[in-house]
C-alpha atoms as a PDB file:
ATOM      1  CA  UNK A   1     -11.486   5.246 -20.768  1.00  0.00           C
ATOM      2  CA  UNK A   2     -14.939   5.187 -18.378  1.00  0.00           C
ATOM      3  CA  UNK A   3     -16.077   8.267 -16.698  1.00  0.00           C
ATOM      4  CA  UNK A   4     -17.726   8.961 -13.635  1.00  0.00           C
ATOM      5  CA  UNK A   5     -19.387  11.877 -12.389  1.00  0.00           C
ATOM      6  CA  UNK A   6     -20.255  11.097  -8.565  1.00  0.00           C
ATOM      7  CA  UNK A   7     -20.430  13.654  -5.766  1.00  0.00           C
ATOM      8  CA  UNK A   8     -20.280  17.115  -7.080  1.00  0.00           C
ATOM      9  CA  UNK A   9     -22.710  16.812 -10.009  1.00  0.00           C
ATOM     10  CA  UNK A  10     -25.422  17.961  -7.751  1.00  0.00           C
ATOM     11  CA  UNK A  11     -23.168  21.567  -7.782  1.00  0.00           C
ATOM     12  CA  UNK A  12     -21.454  21.456 -11.310  1.00  0.00           C
ATOM     13  CA  UNK A  13     -22.890  20.126 -14.207  1.00  0.00           C
ATOM     14  CA  UNK A  14     -21.834  17.776 -16.645  1.00  0.00           C
ATOM     15  CA  UNK A  15     -20.564  20.251 -19.374  1.00  0.00           C
ATOM     16  CA  UNK A  16     -18.502  21.875 -16.863  1.00  0.00           C
ATOM     17  CA  UNK A  17     -16.633  18.404 -15.597  1.00  0.00           C
ATOM     18  CA  UNK A  18     -16.663  18.195 -19.745  1.00  0.00           C
ATOM     19  CA  UNK A  19     -14.397  21.106 -19.967  1.00  0.00           C
ATOM     20  CA  UNK A  20     -12.292  20.412 -17.200  1.00  0.00           C
ATOM     21  CA  UNK A  21     -11.378  16.672 -18.625  1.00  0.00           C
ATOM     22  CA  UNK A  22     -10.678  18.359 -21.959  1.00  0.00           C
ATOM     23  CA  UNK A  23      -8.069  20.614 -20.360  1.00  0.00           C
ATOM     24  CA  UNK A  24      -6.588  17.752 -18.357  1.00  0.00           C
ATOM     25  CA  UNK A  25      -6.869  14.628 -21.055  1.00  0.00           C
ATOM     26  CA  UNK A  26      -5.667  11.342 -20.221  1.00  0.00           C
ATOM     27  CA  UNK A  27      -5.367   7.979 -21.708  1.00  0.00           C
ATOM     28  CA  UNK A  28      -5.891   4.752 -20.298  1.00  0.00           C
ATOM     29  CA  UNK A  29      -1.988   4.029 -20.898  1.00  0.00           C
ATOM     30  CA  UNK A  30      -0.201   7.431 -19.301  1.00  0.00           C
ATOM     31  CA  UNK A  31      -2.395   6.538 -16.227  1.00  0.00           C
ATOM     32  CA  UNK A  32      -1.238   2.765 -16.300  1.00  0.00           C
ATOM     33  CA  UNK A  33       2.248   4.220 -16.624  1.00  0.00           C
ATOM     34  CA  UNK A  34       1.720   6.422 -13.655  1.00  0.00           C
ATOM     35  CA  UNK A  35       0.973   2.834 -11.658  1.00  0.00           C
ATOM     36  CA  UNK A  36       4.165   1.406 -12.978  1.00  0.00           C
ATOM     37  CA  UNK A  37       6.301   3.984 -11.869  1.00  0.00           C
ATOM     38  CA  UNK A  38       4.795   4.175  -8.501  1.00  0.00           C
ATOM     39  CA  UNK A  39       4.570   0.281  -7.869  1.00  0.00           C
ATOM     40  CA  UNK A  40       8.427   0.295  -8.689  1.00  0.00           C
ATOM     41  CA  UNK A  41       9.431   1.822  -5.731  1.00  0.00           C
ATOM     42  CA  UNK A  42      12.439   3.618  -7.017  1.00  0.00           C
ATOM     43  CA  UNK A  43      13.505   6.792  -5.814  1.00  0.00           C
ATOM     44  CA  UNK A  44      12.084   9.593  -5.604  1.00  0.00           C
ATOM     45  CA  UNK A  45       8.778   7.280  -4.783  1.00  0.00           C
ATOM     46  CA  UNK A  46       7.655   7.475  -0.647  1.00  0.00           C
ATOM     47  CA  UNK A  47       6.354   3.746   0.425  1.00  0.00           C
ATOM     48  CA  UNK A  48       3.813   4.666   3.037  1.00  0.00           C
ATOM     49  CA  UNK A  49       2.148   1.775   3.605  1.00  0.00           C
ATOM     50  CA  UNK A  50       4.344  -1.970   3.379  1.00  0.00           C
ATOM     51  CA  UNK A  51       2.282  -3.788   0.460  1.00  0.00           C
ATOM     52  CA  UNK A  52       3.877  -6.461  -1.670  1.00  0.00           C
ATOM     53  CA  UNK A  53       3.141  -5.144  -5.321  1.00  0.00           C
ATOM     54  CA  UNK A  54       3.932  -8.297  -7.381  1.00  0.00           C
ATOM     55  CA  UNK A  55       2.111  -7.301 -10.049  1.00  0.00           C
ATOM     56  CA  UNK A  56       3.291  -8.215 -13.959  1.00  0.00           C
ATOM     57  CA  UNK A  57       3.244  -6.113 -16.882  1.00  0.00           C
ATOM     58  CA  UNK A  58       0.333  -8.064 -18.207  1.00  0.00           C
ATOM     59  CA  UNK A  59      -2.039  -7.336 -15.101  1.00  0.00           C
ATOM     60  CA  UNK A  60      -1.399  -3.946 -15.842  1.00  0.00           C
ATOM     61  CA  UNK A  61      -2.063  -3.755 -19.476  1.00  0.00           C
ATOM     62  CA  UNK A  62      -5.299  -5.784 -18.285  1.00  0.00           C
ATOM     63  CA  UNK A  63      -6.770  -2.951 -15.685  1.00  0.00           C
ATOM     64  CA  UNK A  64      -9.785  -1.239 -16.567  1.00  0.00           C
ATOM     65  CA  UNK A  65      -9.300   2.418 -15.859  1.00  0.00           C
ATOM     66  CA  UNK A  66     -12.011   4.957 -15.016  1.00  0.00           C
ATOM     67  CA  UNK A  67     -12.034   8.506 -14.441  1.00  0.00           C
ATOM     68  CA  UNK A  68     -13.511   9.526 -11.186  1.00  0.00           C
ATOM     69  CA  UNK A  69     -14.743  13.113 -11.320  1.00  0.00           C
ATOM     70  CA  UNK A  70     -14.793  14.190  -7.087  1.00  0.00           C
ATOM     71  CA  UNK A  71     -12.892  17.036  -6.969  1.00  0.00           C
ATOM     72  CA  UNK A  72     -11.225  20.361  -9.221  1.00  0.00           C
ATOM     73  CA  UNK A  73      -7.971  19.928  -7.610  1.00  0.00           C
ATOM     74  CA  UNK A  74      -7.361  16.388  -8.258  1.00  0.00           C
ATOM     75  CA  UNK A  75      -7.586  13.721 -10.967  1.00  0.00           C
ATOM     76  CA  UNK A  76      -8.954  10.659  -9.400  1.00  0.00           C
ATOM     77  CA  UNK A  77      -8.739   7.300 -11.405  1.00  0.00           C
ATOM     78  CA  UNK A  78      -9.883   3.746 -10.465  1.00  0.00           C
ATOM     79  CA  UNK A  79      -7.582   1.262 -11.572  1.00  0.00           C
ATOM     80  CA  UNK A  80      -9.826  -2.066 -11.839  1.00  0.00           C
ATOM     81  CA  UNK A  81      -7.443  -5.182 -12.153  1.00  0.00           C
ATOM     82  CA  UNK A  82      -9.070  -8.440 -13.457  1.00  0.00           C
ATOM     83  CA  UNK A  83      -8.776 -10.305 -10.322  1.00  0.00           C
ATOM     84  CA  UNK A  84     -10.892  -7.509  -8.703  1.00  0.00           C
ATOM     85  CA  UNK A  85      -8.344  -6.084  -7.021  1.00  0.00           C
ATOM     86  CA  UNK A  86      -9.150  -2.299  -7.482  1.00  0.00           C
ATOM     87  CA  UNK A  87      -6.909   0.860  -6.295  1.00  0.00           C
ATOM     88  CA  UNK A  88      -6.954   4.864  -6.472  1.00  0.00           C
ATOM     89  CA  UNK A  89      -4.441   7.218  -8.511  1.00  0.00           C
ATOM     90  CA  UNK A  90      -4.802  10.513  -7.503  1.00  0.00           C
ATOM     91  CA  UNK A  91      -2.745  13.050  -9.654  1.00  0.00           C
ATOM     92  CA  UNK A  92      -2.880  17.147  -8.838  1.00  0.00           C
ATOM     93  CA  UNK A  93      -0.730  19.818 -10.821  1.00  0.00           C
ATOM     94  CA  UNK A  94      -0.963  21.760  -7.961  1.00  0.00           C
ATOM     95  CA  UNK A  95       0.286  20.173  -4.619  1.00  0.00           C
ATOM     96  CA  UNK A  96       1.814  17.656  -3.446  1.00  0.00           C
ATOM     97  CA  UNK A  97       0.036  14.965  -1.165  1.00  0.00           C
ATOM     98  CA  UNK A  98       2.346  15.051   2.115  1.00  0.00           C
ATOM     99  CA  UNK A  99      -0.235  17.268   4.068  1.00  0.00           C
ATOM    100  CA  UNK A 100      -3.280  15.078   2.769  1.00  0.00           C
ATOM    101  CA  UNK A 101      -1.253  11.468   3.853  1.00  0.00           C
ATOM    102  CA  UNK A 102      -0.408  13.006   7.378  1.00  0.00           C
ATOM    103  CA  UNK A 103      -4.246  14.048   7.945  1.00  0.00           C
ATOM    104  CA  UNK A 104      -5.384  10.828   7.043  1.00  0.00           C
ATOM    105  CA  UNK A 105      -2.884   8.712   9.258  1.00  0.00           C
ATOM    106  CA  UNK A 106      -4.017  11.066  11.791  1.00  0.00           C
ATOM    107  CA  UNK A 107      -7.464  10.103  11.562  1.00  0.00           C
ATOM    108  CA  UNK A 108      -7.080   6.568  11.015  1.00  0.00           C
ATOM    109  CA  UNK A 109      -6.466   5.576  14.569  1.00  0.00           C
ATOM    110  CA  UNK A 110     -10.112   7.230  15.590  1.00  0.00           C
ATOM    111  CA  UNK A 111     -12.500   4.928  14.187  1.00  0.00           C
ATOM    112  CA  UNK A 112     -12.566   6.726  11.050  1.00  0.00           C
ATOM    113  CA  UNK A 113     -12.455   4.752   7.692  1.00  0.00           C
ATOM    114  CA  UNK A 114      -9.858   6.186   5.467  1.00  0.00           C
ATOM    115  CA  UNK A 115      -8.286   4.549   2.852  1.00  0.00           C
ATOM    116  CA  UNK A 116      -4.591   3.429   2.807  1.00  0.00           C
ATOM    117  CA  UNK A 117      -1.850   5.571   0.899  1.00  0.00           C
ATOM    118  CA  UNK A 118       0.865   3.112  -0.472  1.00  0.00           C
ATOM    119  CA  UNK A 119       2.952   5.068  -2.510  1.00  0.00           C
ATOM    120  CA  UNK A 120       3.331   8.377  -3.500  1.00  0.00           C
ATOM    121  CA  UNK A 121       5.662  10.791  -5.789  1.00  0.00           C
ATOM    122  CA  UNK A 122       6.563  13.994  -4.142  1.00  0.00           C
ATOM    123  CA  UNK A 123       8.382  15.969  -7.288  1.00  0.00           C
ATOM    124  CA  UNK A 124       6.078  15.002 -10.111  1.00  0.00           C
ATOM    125  CA  UNK A 125       5.658  12.614 -13.126  1.00  0.00           C
ATOM    126  CA  UNK A 126       5.671  14.005 -16.450  1.00  0.00           C
ATOM    127  CA  UNK A 127       2.367  13.340 -18.904  1.00  0.00           C
ATOM    128  CA  UNK A 128       2.448  15.248 -21.669  1.00  0.00           C
ATOM    129  CA  UNK A 129       3.182  18.776 -21.219  1.00  0.00           C
ATOM    130  CA  UNK A 130       2.614  18.848 -17.263  1.00  0.00           C
ATOM    131  CA  UNK A 131       3.789  17.612 -14.350  1.00  0.00           C
ATOM    132  CA  UNK A 132       1.467  15.988 -11.746  1.00  0.00           C
ATOM    133  CA  UNK A 133       2.025  14.610  -7.896  1.00  0.00           C
ATOM    134  CA  UNK A 134       0.957  11.391  -7.763  1.00  0.00           C
ATOM    135  CA  UNK A 135      -0.731   9.169  -4.767  1.00  0.00           C
ATOM    136  CA  UNK A 136      -1.531   5.504  -4.903  1.00  0.00           C
ATOM    137  CA  UNK A 137      -4.524   4.642  -2.468  1.00  0.00           C
ATOM    138  CA  UNK A 138      -6.588   1.921  -1.189  1.00  0.00           C
ATOM    139  CA  UNK A 139     -10.330   2.045  -3.182  1.00  0.00           C
ATOM    140  CA  UNK A 140     -12.853   2.709  -0.900  1.00  0.00           C
ATOM    141  CA  UNK A 141     -15.888   2.654  -2.076  1.00  0.00           C
ATOM    142  CA  UNK A 142     -18.870   4.726  -0.394  1.00  0.00           C
ATOM    143  CA  UNK A 143     -18.945   8.485   0.133  1.00  0.00           C
ATOM    144  CA  UNK A 144     -15.650  10.235   1.615  1.00  0.00           C
ATOM    145  CA  UNK A 145     -15.154  11.823   4.372  1.00  0.00           C
ATOM    146  CA  UNK A 146     -15.337  15.714   2.610  1.00  0.00           C
ATOM    147  CA  UNK A 147     -19.181  14.259   1.410  1.00  0.00           C
ATOM    148  CA  UNK A 148     -19.759  13.039   5.101  1.00  0.00           C
ATOM    149  CA  UNK A 149     -19.234  16.656   6.515  1.00  0.00           C
ATOM    150  CA  UNK A 150     -20.840  18.242   3.855  1.00  0.00           C
ATOM    151  CA  UNK A 151     -24.166  16.225   4.628  1.00  0.00           C
ATOM    152  CA  UNK A 152     -24.432  15.637   7.998  1.00  0.00           C
ATOM    153  CA  UNK A 153     -23.365  12.113   8.156  1.00  0.00           C
ATOM    154  CA  UNK A 154     -20.517  12.470  10.463  1.00  0.00           C
ATOM    155  CA  UNK A 155     -21.352  14.105  14.182  1.00  0.00           C
ATOM    156  CA  UNK A 156     -19.772  17.551  16.052  1.00  0.00           C
ATOM    157  CA  UNK A 157     -18.334  14.731  18.779  1.00  0.00           C
ATOM    158  CA  UNK A 158     -16.627  12.514  15.557  1.00  0.00           C
ATOM    159  CA  UNK A 159     -15.019  15.836  14.355  1.00  0.00           C
ATOM    160  CA  UNK A 160     -13.920  17.011  17.628  1.00  0.00           C
ATOM    161  CA  UNK A 161     -12.368  13.191  17.600  1.00  0.00           C
ATOM    162  CA  UNK A 162     -10.574  13.139  14.950  1.00  0.00           C
ATOM    163  CA  UNK A 163      -9.402  17.145  14.933  1.00  0.00           C
ATOM    164  CA  UNK A 164      -7.908  16.296  18.489  1.00  0.00           C
ATOM    165  CA  UNK A 165      -6.145  13.350  17.128  1.00  0.00           C
ATOM    166  CA  UNK A 166      -4.751  15.411  13.960  1.00  0.00           C
ATOM    167  CA  UNK A 167      -3.269  18.084  16.956  1.00  0.00           C
END
């Protein structure tokens, strides 16, 4: 599995992330199994965006898994298929993604680029000794909303529009 140390590296050193990864080890096959479970669409999976997934198991087996360390509350993995199709799987042992999905849906209509949410697992998927809430999202390259706010890339007016849309 590849590792990328992205946005938060300026605040946390590599040793900090190495310890975090050590506490939450994941194998490529475990992440592929999460993808299989999410795209199956069977209960209790919640579909958020109608997207036809027709992956063969061999396609899933050939994916490249990259761990993206952008947040301490989420384990984020990029799933890249041989044909270039790319998704993100997010795992959290602390909270489901229901609230975040509601926020993403609220800001999607105000001109802010947000990832499409395809499926989430609101009850938790067992990986090793732990249970993780899981979400499959569209992969959008570049800086995320939190980074843009933190570094002044979004104006106050744009933030007000987003907040108004969120209610």
